[in-house]
C-alpha atoms as a PDB file:
ATOM      1  CA  MET A   1       0.080  -0.195  -0.202  1.00  0.00           C
ATOM      2  CA  LEU A   2       1.069   3.410  -0.618  1.00  0.00           C
ATOM      3  CA  ASP A   3       1.286   5.843   2.183  1.00  0.00           C
ATOM      4  CA  LYS A   4       0.012   9.351   2.811  1.00  0.00           C
ATOM      5  CA  ARG A   5       3.414  10.917   2.460  1.00  0.00           C
ATOM      6  CA  PHE A   6       4.346   9.366  -0.705  1.00  0.00           C
ATOM      7  CA  LEU A   7       0.826  10.383  -2.336  1.00  0.00           C
ATOM      8  CA  LYS A   8       1.518  13.986  -1.014  1.00  0.00           C
ATOM      9  CA  THR A   9       4.588  14.232  -2.585  1.00  0.00           C
ATOM     10  CA  ALA A  10       3.416  12.615  -5.781  1.00  0.00           C
ATOM     11  CA  LEU A  11       0.286  15.619  -6.102  1.00  0.00           C
ATOM     12  CA  ILE A  12       3.060  17.830  -5.081  1.00  0.00           C
ATOM     13  CA  ASN A  13       5.714  16.859  -7.943  1.00  0.00           C
ATOM     14  CA  LEU A  14       2.635  16.495 -10.277  1.00  0.00           C
ATOM     15  CA  ILE A  15       1.412  20.117  -9.675  1.00  0.00           C
ATOM     16  CA  LEU A  16       5.216  21.465 -10.096  1.00  0.00           C
ATOM     17  CA  PHE A  17       5.741  19.362 -13.409  1.00  0.00           C
ATOM     18  CA  SER A  18       2.610  20.696 -14.716  1.00  0.00           C
ATOM     19  CA  ILE A  19       3.945  24.080 -13.944  1.00  0.00           C
ATOM     20  CA  PHE A  20       7.341  23.657 -15.517  1.00  0.00           C
ATOM     21  CA  PHE A  21       5.801  21.866 -18.261  1.00  0.00           C
ATOM     22  CA  LEU A  22       3.556  25.011 -19.374  1.00  0.00           C
ATOM     23  CA  LEU A  23       6.916  27.025 -18.706  1.00  0.00           C
ATOM     24  CA  ALA A  24       8.843  24.742 -20.984  1.00  0.00           C
ATOM     25  CA  ALA A  25       5.927  24.626 -23.725  1.00  0.00           C
ATOM     26  CA  GLN A  26       6.178  28.674 -23.934  1.00  0.00           C
ATOM     27  CA  LEU A  27      10.169  28.325 -24.175  1.00  0.00           C
ATOM     28  CA  VAL A  28      10.425  25.778 -26.765  1.00  0.00           C
ATOM     29  CA  SER A  29       7.340  27.828 -28.604  1.00  0.00           C
ATOM     30  CA  ARG A  30       9.547  30.717 -28.556  1.00  0.00           C
ATOM     31  CA  HIS A  31      12.749  28.724 -29.830  1.00  0.00           C
ATOM     32  CA  TYR A  32      11.027  27.378 -32.706  1.00  0.00           C
ATOM     33  CA  GLN A  33       8.911  30.357 -33.426  1.00  0.00           C
ATOM     34  CA  VAL A  34       5.843  28.164 -33.312  1.00  0.00           C
ATOM     35  CA  ALA A  35       2.398  28.684 -31.535  1.00  0.00           C
ATOM     36  CA  ASN A  36       1.957  27.275 -28.129  1.00  0.00           C
ATOM     37  CA  THR A  37      -1.411  25.570 -29.306  1.00  0.00           C
ATOM     38  CA  GLU A  38       0.717  23.812 -32.195  1.00  0.00           C
ATOM     39  CA  ILE A  39       3.622  22.764 -29.431  1.00  0.00           C
ATOM     40  CA  LEU A  40       1.031  21.227 -27.090  1.00  0.00           C
ATOM     41  CA  SER A  41      -1.274  19.541 -30.067  1.00  0.00           C
ATOM     42  CA  ASN A  42       2.276  17.757 -31.096  1.00  0.00           C
ATOM     43  CA  PHE A  43       2.596  16.569 -27.642  1.00  0.00           C
ATOM     44  CA  VAL A  44      -1.288  15.151 -27.994  1.00  0.00           C
ATOM     45  CA  ILE A  45      -0.436  14.012 -31.581  1.00  0.00           C
ATOM     46  CA  ASP A  46       2.921  11.951 -30.375  1.00  0.00           C
ATOM     47  CA  LEU A  47       0.395   9.588 -27.596  1.00  0.00           C
ATOM     48  CA  PHE A  48      -2.701   9.500 -29.894  1.00  0.00           C
ATOM     49  CA  PRO A  49      -1.575   9.730 -33.330  1.00  0.00           C
ATOM     50  CA  GLU A  50      -4.705  10.355 -35.856  1.00  0.00           C
ATOM     51  CA  PRO A  51      -4.924   7.979 -38.891  1.00  0.00           C
ATOM     52  CA  ASN A  52      -4.601  10.886 -41.354  1.00  0.00           C
ATOM     53  CA  VAL A  53      -1.250  12.298 -40.217  1.00  0.00           C
ATOM     54  CA  ASN A  54       2.095  11.614 -41.277  1.00  0.00           C
ATOM     55  CA  GLY A  55       3.717   8.685 -38.923  1.00  0.00           C
ATOM     56  CA  PHE A  56       6.907  10.179 -39.142  1.00  0.00           C
ATOM     57  CA  TYR A  57       6.397  13.479 -37.331  1.00  0.00           C
ATOM     58  CA  ASN A  58       8.340  16.442 -38.441  1.00  0.00           C
ATOM     59  CA  ASN A  59       7.664  18.428 -35.312  1.00  0.00           C
ATOM     60  CA  SER A  60       8.227  15.278 -32.866  1.00  0.00           C
ATOM     61  CA  LEU A  61      11.166  16.911 -31.071  1.00  0.00           C
ATOM     62  CA  TYR A  62       8.647  19.413 -29.564  1.00  0.00           C
ATOM     63  CA  PRO A  63       7.200  16.680 -26.791  1.00  0.00           C
ATOM     64  CA  TYR A  64      10.658  15.675 -25.903  1.00  0.00           C
ATOM     65  CA  SER A  65      12.105  19.136 -25.759  1.00  0.00           C
ATOM     66  CA  ILE A  66       9.083  20.046 -23.686  1.00  0.00           C
ATOM     67  CA  LEU A  67       9.727  16.987 -21.276  1.00  0.00           C
ATOM     68  CA  THR A  68      13.504  17.502 -20.950  1.00  0.00           C
ATOM     69  CA  TRP A  69      13.090  21.296 -19.934  1.00  0.00           C
ATOM     70  CA  ALA A  70      10.277  20.451 -17.395  1.00  0.00           C
ATOM     71  CA  LEU A  71      12.419  17.845 -15.695  1.00  0.00           C
ATOM     72  CA  ILE A  72      15.523  19.764 -15.541  1.00  0.00           C
ATOM     73  CA  GLY A  73      13.307  22.912 -14.042  1.00  0.00           C
ATOM     74  CA  LEU A  74      11.720  20.178 -11.494  1.00  0.00           C
ATOM     75  CA  TYR A  75      14.350  18.957 -10.486  1.00  0.00           C
ATOM     76  CA  ILE A  76      17.024  22.243 -10.071  1.00  0.00           C
ATOM     77  CA  PHE A  77      13.531  23.526  -8.186  1.00  0.00           C
ATOM     78  CA  LEU A  78      13.891  21.073  -5.785  1.00  0.00           C
ATOM     79  CA  LYS A  79      17.591  21.061  -5.081  1.00  0.00           C
ATOM     80  CA  LEU A  80      17.295  24.803  -4.698  1.00  0.00           C
ATOM     81  CA  GLY A  81      14.385  24.624  -2.284  1.00  0.00           C
ATOM     82  CA  GLN A  82      16.316  21.915  -0.370  1.00  0.00           C
ATOM     83  CA  TYR A  83      19.404  23.982  -0.026  1.00  0.00           C
ATOM     84  CA  ILE A  84      17.642  27.121   0.703  1.00  0.00           C
ATOM     85  CA  THR A  85      15.303  25.599   3.501  1.00  0.00           C
ATOM     86  CA  GLY A  86      18.103  23.813   4.867  1.00  0.00           C
ATOM     87  CA  LYS A  87      20.371  27.003   5.325  1.00  0.00           C
ATOM     88  CA  PHE A  88      17.385  29.026   6.944  1.00  0.00           C
ATOM     89  CA  LEU A  89      14.909  26.684   8.477  1.00  0.00           C
ATOM     90  CA  THR A  90      15.251  23.893  11.176  1.00  0.00           C
ATOM     91  CA  PRO A  91      15.254  20.402  10.656  1.00  0.00           C
ATOM     92  CA  GLN A  92      11.503  19.905  12.243  1.00  0.00           C
ATOM     93  CA  SER A  93      10.216  22.432   9.434  1.00  0.00           C
ATOM     94  CA  ARG A  94       7.119  21.160   7.192  1.00  0.00           C
ATOM     95  CA  ILE A  95       8.299  23.265   4.144  1.00  0.00           C
ATOM     96  CA  ARG A  96      12.155  21.955   4.385  1.00  0.00           C
ATOM     97  CA  GLN A  97      10.749  18.434   4.858  1.00  0.00           C
ATOM     98  CA  SER A  98       8.441  18.717   2.055  1.00  0.00           C
ATOM     99  CA  PHE A  99      11.195  19.717  -0.264  1.00  0.00           C
ATOM    100  CA  LEU A 100      13.233  16.748   1.003  1.00  0.00           C
ATOM    101  CA  ASP A 101      10.545  14.453   0.562  1.00  0.00           C
ATOM    102  CA  CYS A 102       9.683  15.480  -3.091  1.00  0.00           C
ATOM    103  CA  GLN A 103      13.443  14.904  -4.010  1.00  0.00           C
ATOM    104  CA  ILE A 104      13.573  11.689  -2.429  1.00  0.00           C
ATOM    105  CA  ASP A 105      10.237  10.390  -4.165  1.00  0.00           C
ATOM    106  CA  LEU A 106      11.040  12.059  -7.521  1.00  0.00           C
ATOM    107  CA  THR A 107      12.559   9.067  -8.976  1.00  0.00           C
ATOM    108  CA  TYR A 108       9.765   6.916  -8.448  1.00  0.00           C
ATOM    109  CA  HIS A 109       7.225   9.563  -9.570  1.00  0.00           C
ATOM    110  CA  LEU A 110       9.162  10.321 -12.918  1.00  0.00           C
ATOM    111  CA  LEU A 111       9.262   6.111 -13.346  1.00  0.00           C
ATOM    112  CA  GLY A 112       5.693   6.176 -13.116  1.00  0.00           C
ATOM    113  CA  LEU A 113       4.931   9.042 -15.337  1.00  0.00           C
ATOM    114  CA  LEU A 114       7.568   7.256 -17.826  1.00  0.00           C
ATOM    115  CA  ILE A 115       5.076   4.203 -17.692  1.00  0.00           C
ATOM    116  CA  VAL A 116       2.014   5.907 -18.270  1.00  0.00           C
ATOM    117  CA  ILE A 117       3.454   7.951 -21.155  1.00  0.00           C
ATOM    118  CA  THR A 118       4.691   4.510 -22.856  1.00  0.00           C
ATOM    119  CA  LEU A 119       1.210   2.809 -22.350  1.00  0.00           C
ATOM    120  CA  LEU A 120      -0.392   5.611 -23.764  1.00  0.00           C
ATOM    121  CA  GLN A 121       2.036   5.898 -26.728  1.00  0.00           C
ATOM    122  CA  THR A 122       1.732   1.681 -27.205  1.00  0.00           C
ATOM    123  CA  TRP A 123      -2.078   2.201 -27.276  1.00  0.00           C
ATOM    124  CA  GLY A 124      -2.333   5.042 -29.592  1.00  0.00           C
ATOM    125  CA  HIS A 125       0.213   3.799 -31.910  1.00  0.00           C
ATOM    126  CA  SER A 126      -0.802   0.493 -32.103  1.00  0.00           C
ATOM    127  CA  LYS A 127      -4.442   2.056 -33.245  1.00  0.00           C
ATOM    128  CA  TYR A 128      -2.804   4.008 -35.743  1.00  0.00           C
ATOM    129  CA  PHE A 129      -0.814   1.149 -37.406  1.00  0.00           C
ATOM    130  CA  LYS A 130      -3.929  -0.883 -37.209  1.00  0.00           C
ATOM    131  CA  ASN A 131      -5.678   1.600 -39.011  1.00  0.00           C
ATOM    132  CA  ILE A 132      -3.179   1.603 -41.745  1.00  0.00           C
ATOM    133  CA  TRP A 133      -2.659  -2.331 -42.085  1.00  0.00           C
ATOM    134  CA  GLY A 134      -6.565  -2.337 -42.450  1.00  0.00           C
ATOM    135  CA  LYS A 135      -6.345   0.122 -45.335  1.00  0.00           C
ATOM    136  CA  TYR A 136      -3.327  -0.885 -47.421  1.00  0.00           C
ATOM    137  CA  ASP A 137      -2.743  -4.696 -46.715  1.00  0.00           C
ATOM    138  CA  ARG A 138      -4.465  -6.107 -49.429  1.00  0.00           C
ATOM    139  CA  LEU A 139      -3.265  -3.305 -51.952  1.00  0.00           C
ATOM    140  CA  SER A 140      -0.173  -3.867 -54.151  1.00  0.00           C
ATOM    141  CA  ALA A 141       3.062  -1.318 -53.523  1.00  0.00           C
ATOM    142  CA  ASP A 142       2.019   0.848 -56.581  1.00  0.00           C
ATOM    143  CA  LYS A 143      -1.308   0.984 -55.291  1.00  0.00           C
ATOM    144  CA  ILE A 144      -0.584   2.039 -52.189  1.00  0.00           C
ATOM    145  CA  LYS A 145       2.015   4.759 -53.245  1.00  0.00           C
ATOM    146  CA  GLU A 146      -0.696   6.079 -55.619  1.00  0.00           C
ATOM    147  CA  GLN A 147      -3.155   6.452 -52.456  1.00  0.00           C
ATOM    148  CA  LEU A 148      -0.937   7.670 -50.225  1.00  0.00           C
ATOM    149  CA  ILE A 149       0.933  10.351 -52.731  1.00  0.00           C
ATOM    150  CA  GLY A 150      -1.885  11.065 -54.867  1.00  0.00           C
ATOM    151  CA  LEU A 151      -1.514  12.343 -58.531  1.00  0.00           C
ATOM    152  CA  SER A 152       2.212  12.937 -58.096  1.00  0.00           C
ATOM    153  CA  PHE A 153       2.989   9.268 -58.222  1.00  0.00           C
ATOM    154  CA  PRO A 154       2.001   8.430 -61.802  1.00  0.00           C
ATOM    155  CA  PHE A 155       2.927  11.772 -62.925  1.00  0.00           C
ATOM    156  CA  ALA A 156       6.193  11.072 -61.825  1.00  0.00           C
ATOM    157  CA  GLU A 157       6.083   7.677 -63.171  1.00  0.00           C
ATOM    158  CA  LEU A 158       5.353   8.596 -66.482  1.00  0.00           C
ATOM    159  CA  ALA A 159       7.997  11.533 -66.374  1.00  0.00           C
ATOM    160  CA  LYS A 160      11.017   8.928 -65.286  1.00  0.00           C
ATOM    161  CA  GLU A 161      10.458   7.168 -68.595  1.00  0.00           C
ATOM    162  CA  TYR A 162      12.404   9.842 -70.247  1.00  0.00           C
ATOM    163  CA  TYR A 163      15.519   9.850 -67.750  1.00  0.00           C
ATOM    164  CA  ILE A 164      18.800   9.755 -69.590  1.00  0.00           C
ATOM    165  CA  PRO A 165      21.117   8.353 -67.136  1.00  0.00           C
ATOM    166  CA  GLY A 166      23.802  10.577 -65.906  1.00  0.00           C
ATOM    167  CA  HIS A 167      21.691  13.096 -66.621  1.00  0.00           C
ATOM    168  CA  GLN A 168      19.315  13.973 -63.416  1.00  0.00           C
ATOM    169  CA  ASN A 169      18.951  17.687 -63.231  1.00  0.00           C
ATOM    170  CA  GLY A 170      15.576  19.279 -63.217  1.00  0.00           C
ATOM    171  CA  ARG A 171      13.539  22.290 -63.054  1.00  0.00           C
ATOM    172  CA  LEU A 172       9.569  22.121 -61.723  1.00  0.00           C
ATOM    173  CA  ILE A 173       7.588  25.062 -62.838  1.00  0.00           C
ATOM    174  CA  THR A 174       3.917  24.766 -61.447  1.00  0.00           C
ATOM    175  CA  ASP A 175       1.129  27.404 -61.199  1.00  0.00           C
ATOM    176  CA  ILE A 176       0.813  25.864 -57.769  1.00  0.00           C
ATOM    177  CA  ASP A 177       2.062  27.842 -54.822  1.00  0.00           C
ATOM    178  CA  ILE A 178       4.639  25.399 -52.970  1.00  0.00           C
ATOM    179  CA  ASN A 179       5.361  27.942 -50.166  1.00  0.00           C
ATOM    180  CA  LYS A 180       2.446  26.697 -47.976  1.00  0.00           C
ATOM    181  CA  ASN A 181      -0.114  23.585 -47.947  1.00  0.00           C
ATOM    182  CA  PRO A 182      -1.051  21.522 -49.758  1.00  0.00           C
ATOM    183  CA  GLY A 183       1.075  22.796 -52.666  1.00  0.00           C
ATOM    184  CA  SER A 184       4.578  22.208 -50.498  1.00  0.00           C
ATOM    185  CA  THR A 185       3.466  18.906 -49.600  1.00  0.00           C
ATOM    186  CA  ILE A 186       2.901  17.962 -53.429  1.00  0.00           C
ATOM    187  CA  TYR A 187       6.579  19.627 -54.002  1.00  0.00           C
ATOM    188  CA  ARG A 188       7.913  17.234 -51.621  1.00  0.00           C
ATOM    189  CA  ARG A 189       5.812  14.139 -52.704  1.00  0.00           C
ATOM    190  CA  LEU A 190       7.290  15.102 -56.668  1.00  0.00           C
ATOM    191  CA  ALA A 191      10.705  15.445 -55.297  1.00  0.00           C
ATOM    192  CA  TYR A 192      10.777  12.116 -53.999  1.00  0.00           C
ATOM    193  CA  CYS A 193       8.675  10.251 -56.671  1.00  0.00           C
ATOM    194  CA  LEU A 194      10.945  11.999 -59.624  1.00  0.00           C
ATOM    195  CA  TYR A 195      14.250  10.646 -58.428  1.00  0.00           C
ATOM    196  CA  PRO A 196      16.526  10.199 -59.867  1.00  0.00           C
ATOM    197  CA  ILE A 197      15.495  13.281 -61.464  1.00  0.00           C
ATOM    198  CA  ILE A 198      16.603  15.699 -59.066  1.00  0.00           C
ATOM    199  CA  ILE A 199      14.003  19.095 -58.817  1.00  0.00           C
ATOM    200  CA  ARG A 200      14.799  20.604 -55.273  1.00  0.00           C
ATOM    201  CA  TYR A 201      15.629  24.259 -56.304  1.00  0.00           C
ATOM    202  CA  ASN A 202      18.957  24.481 -54.050  1.00  0.00           C
ATOM    203  CA  GLN A 203      20.483  21.668 -56.424  1.00  0.00           C
ATOM    204  CA  THR A 204      19.186  23.219 -59.857  1.00  0.00           C
ATOM    205  CA  PRO A 205      21.641  24.248 -62.605  1.00  0.00           C
ATOM    206  CA  PRO A 206      20.537  27.454 -64.775  1.00  0.00           C
ATOM    207  CA  ASP A 207      20.310  24.985 -67.911  1.00  0.00           C
ATOM    208  CA  PRO A 208      18.464  21.956 -66.277  1.00  0.00           C
ATOM    209  CA  ASP A 209      18.456  18.571 -68.200  1.00  0.00           C
ATOM    210  CA  TYR A 210      14.702  18.708 -67.886  1.00  0.00           C
ATOM    211  CA  LEU A 211      11.930  20.997 -67.632  1.00  0.00           C
ATOM    212  CA  ILE A 212       8.924  19.540 -65.466  1.00  0.00           C
ATOM    213  CA  TYR A 213       6.125  21.446 -66.023  1.00  0.00           C
ATOM    214  CA  PHE A 214       3.208  20.308 -63.408  1.00  0.00           C
ATOM    215  CA  VAL A 215      -0.238  21.988 -63.153  1.00  0.00           C
ATOM    216  CA  VAL A 216       0.491  24.774 -65.558  1.00  0.00           C
ATOM    217  CA  LYS A 217      -2.253  26.578 -67.735  1.00  0.00           C
ATOM    218  CA  ASP A 218      -1.120  26.031 -71.658  1.00  0.00           C
ATOM    219  CA  ALA A 219       2.162  24.329 -70.231  1.00  0.00           C
ATOM    220  CA  ALA A 220       3.516  23.614 -73.980  1.00  0.00           C
ATOM    221  CA  SER A 221       3.340  27.229 -74.764  1.00  0.00           C
ATOM    222  CA  HIS A 222       5.973  27.919 -72.110  1.00  0.00           C
ATOM    223  CA  VAL A 223       8.671  25.492 -73.475  1.00  0.00           C
ATOM    224  CA  PRO A 224      12.142  27.344 -74.616  1.00  0.00           C
ATOM    225  CA  GLU A 225      13.218  26.459 -77.975  1.00  0.00           C
ATOM    226  CA  ASP A 226      16.024  24.537 -77.118  1.00  0.00           C
ATOM    227  CA  TYR A 227      14.228  22.143 -75.246  1.00  0.00           C
ATOM    228  CA  LYS A 228      11.638  19.248 -76.814  1.00  0.00           C
ATOM    229  CA  ILE A 229       8.613  18.021 -75.524  1.00  0.00           C
ATOM    230  CA  GLN A 230       8.529  14.296 -74.451  1.00  0.00           C
ATOM    231  CA  LEU A 231       5.217  14.155 -72.657  1.00  0.00           C
ATOM    232  CA  ASP A 232       2.261  16.607 -73.113  1.00  0.00           C
ATOM    233  CA  LEU A 233      -0.586  15.949 -71.042  1.00  0.00           C
ATOM    234  CA  GLY A 234      -2.277  19.323 -71.602  1.00  0.00           C
ATOM    235  CA  HIS A 235      -1.733  21.059 -67.748  1.00  0.00           C
ATOM    236  CA  SER A 236       1.619  18.959 -67.351  1.00  0.00           C
ATOM    237  CA  VAL A 237       4.785  18.839 -69.757  1.00  0.00           C
ATOM    238  CA  ILE A 238       8.013  16.580 -69.536  1.00  0.00           C
ATOM    239  CA  ALA A 239      10.309  18.686 -71.603  1.00  0.00           C
ATOM    240  CA  VAL A 240      14.423  17.759 -72.487  1.00  0.00           C
ATOM    241  CA  ARG A 241      17.103  19.524 -73.356  1.00  0.00           C
ATOM    242  CA  LYS A 242      17.481  18.967 -77.162  1.00  0.00           C
ATOM    243  CA  GLU A 243      21.602  18.479 -77.119  1.00  0.00           C
ATOM    244  CA  LEU A 244      20.521  15.055 -75.026  1.00  0.00           C
ATOM    245  CA  LEU A 245      18.737  13.551 -77.628  1.00  0.00           C
END
């Protein structure tokens, strides 16, 4: 049976941890320049992932940064409290004894917190992967890619038919705004699916081997004279530098 002292220190440590958790969320929010609500929602999503989110969270660092700073803050607070009360209060002081008891029991409380978080993560991620398995277990690999990646996948497969070994620099031209979602997600998917053709902007030379027009009005009319159209889908075009043909 748990004694009253242990339950009391558990309650005190939980309250203190909650305070430092919120302070840590504020620090992490300022460091990453992200809203508090997004920081906290990422923590919740990490415990209970939704079926429609990516299993590899871009912001998965947030929850672990919060936990780390909250625990460091709590430990320092208890150490300072024990030091200060030890210098100015008598050994019989209830405040001094509370700081000492909280620090002694902290390891057990943290172990209990770790167990709870682990159980929640295990349960949440099990539901997440069970949902994925149910959706895709009877589909072929290509069908799974098509469902996950959408229009980008079949277009990229067509484009790669015109890949010339040794020449992999491409430039993406699109009417889609790739600086914000859903355009930025489409851009990343295309960059992944088009490999070995590289369309990353920081790797594109002035005269790329391929011009890839994706969802562009009258795409063919924009192709320069020194490029030859190899695939014309109306809204999307693949053009290759003529000297390579």
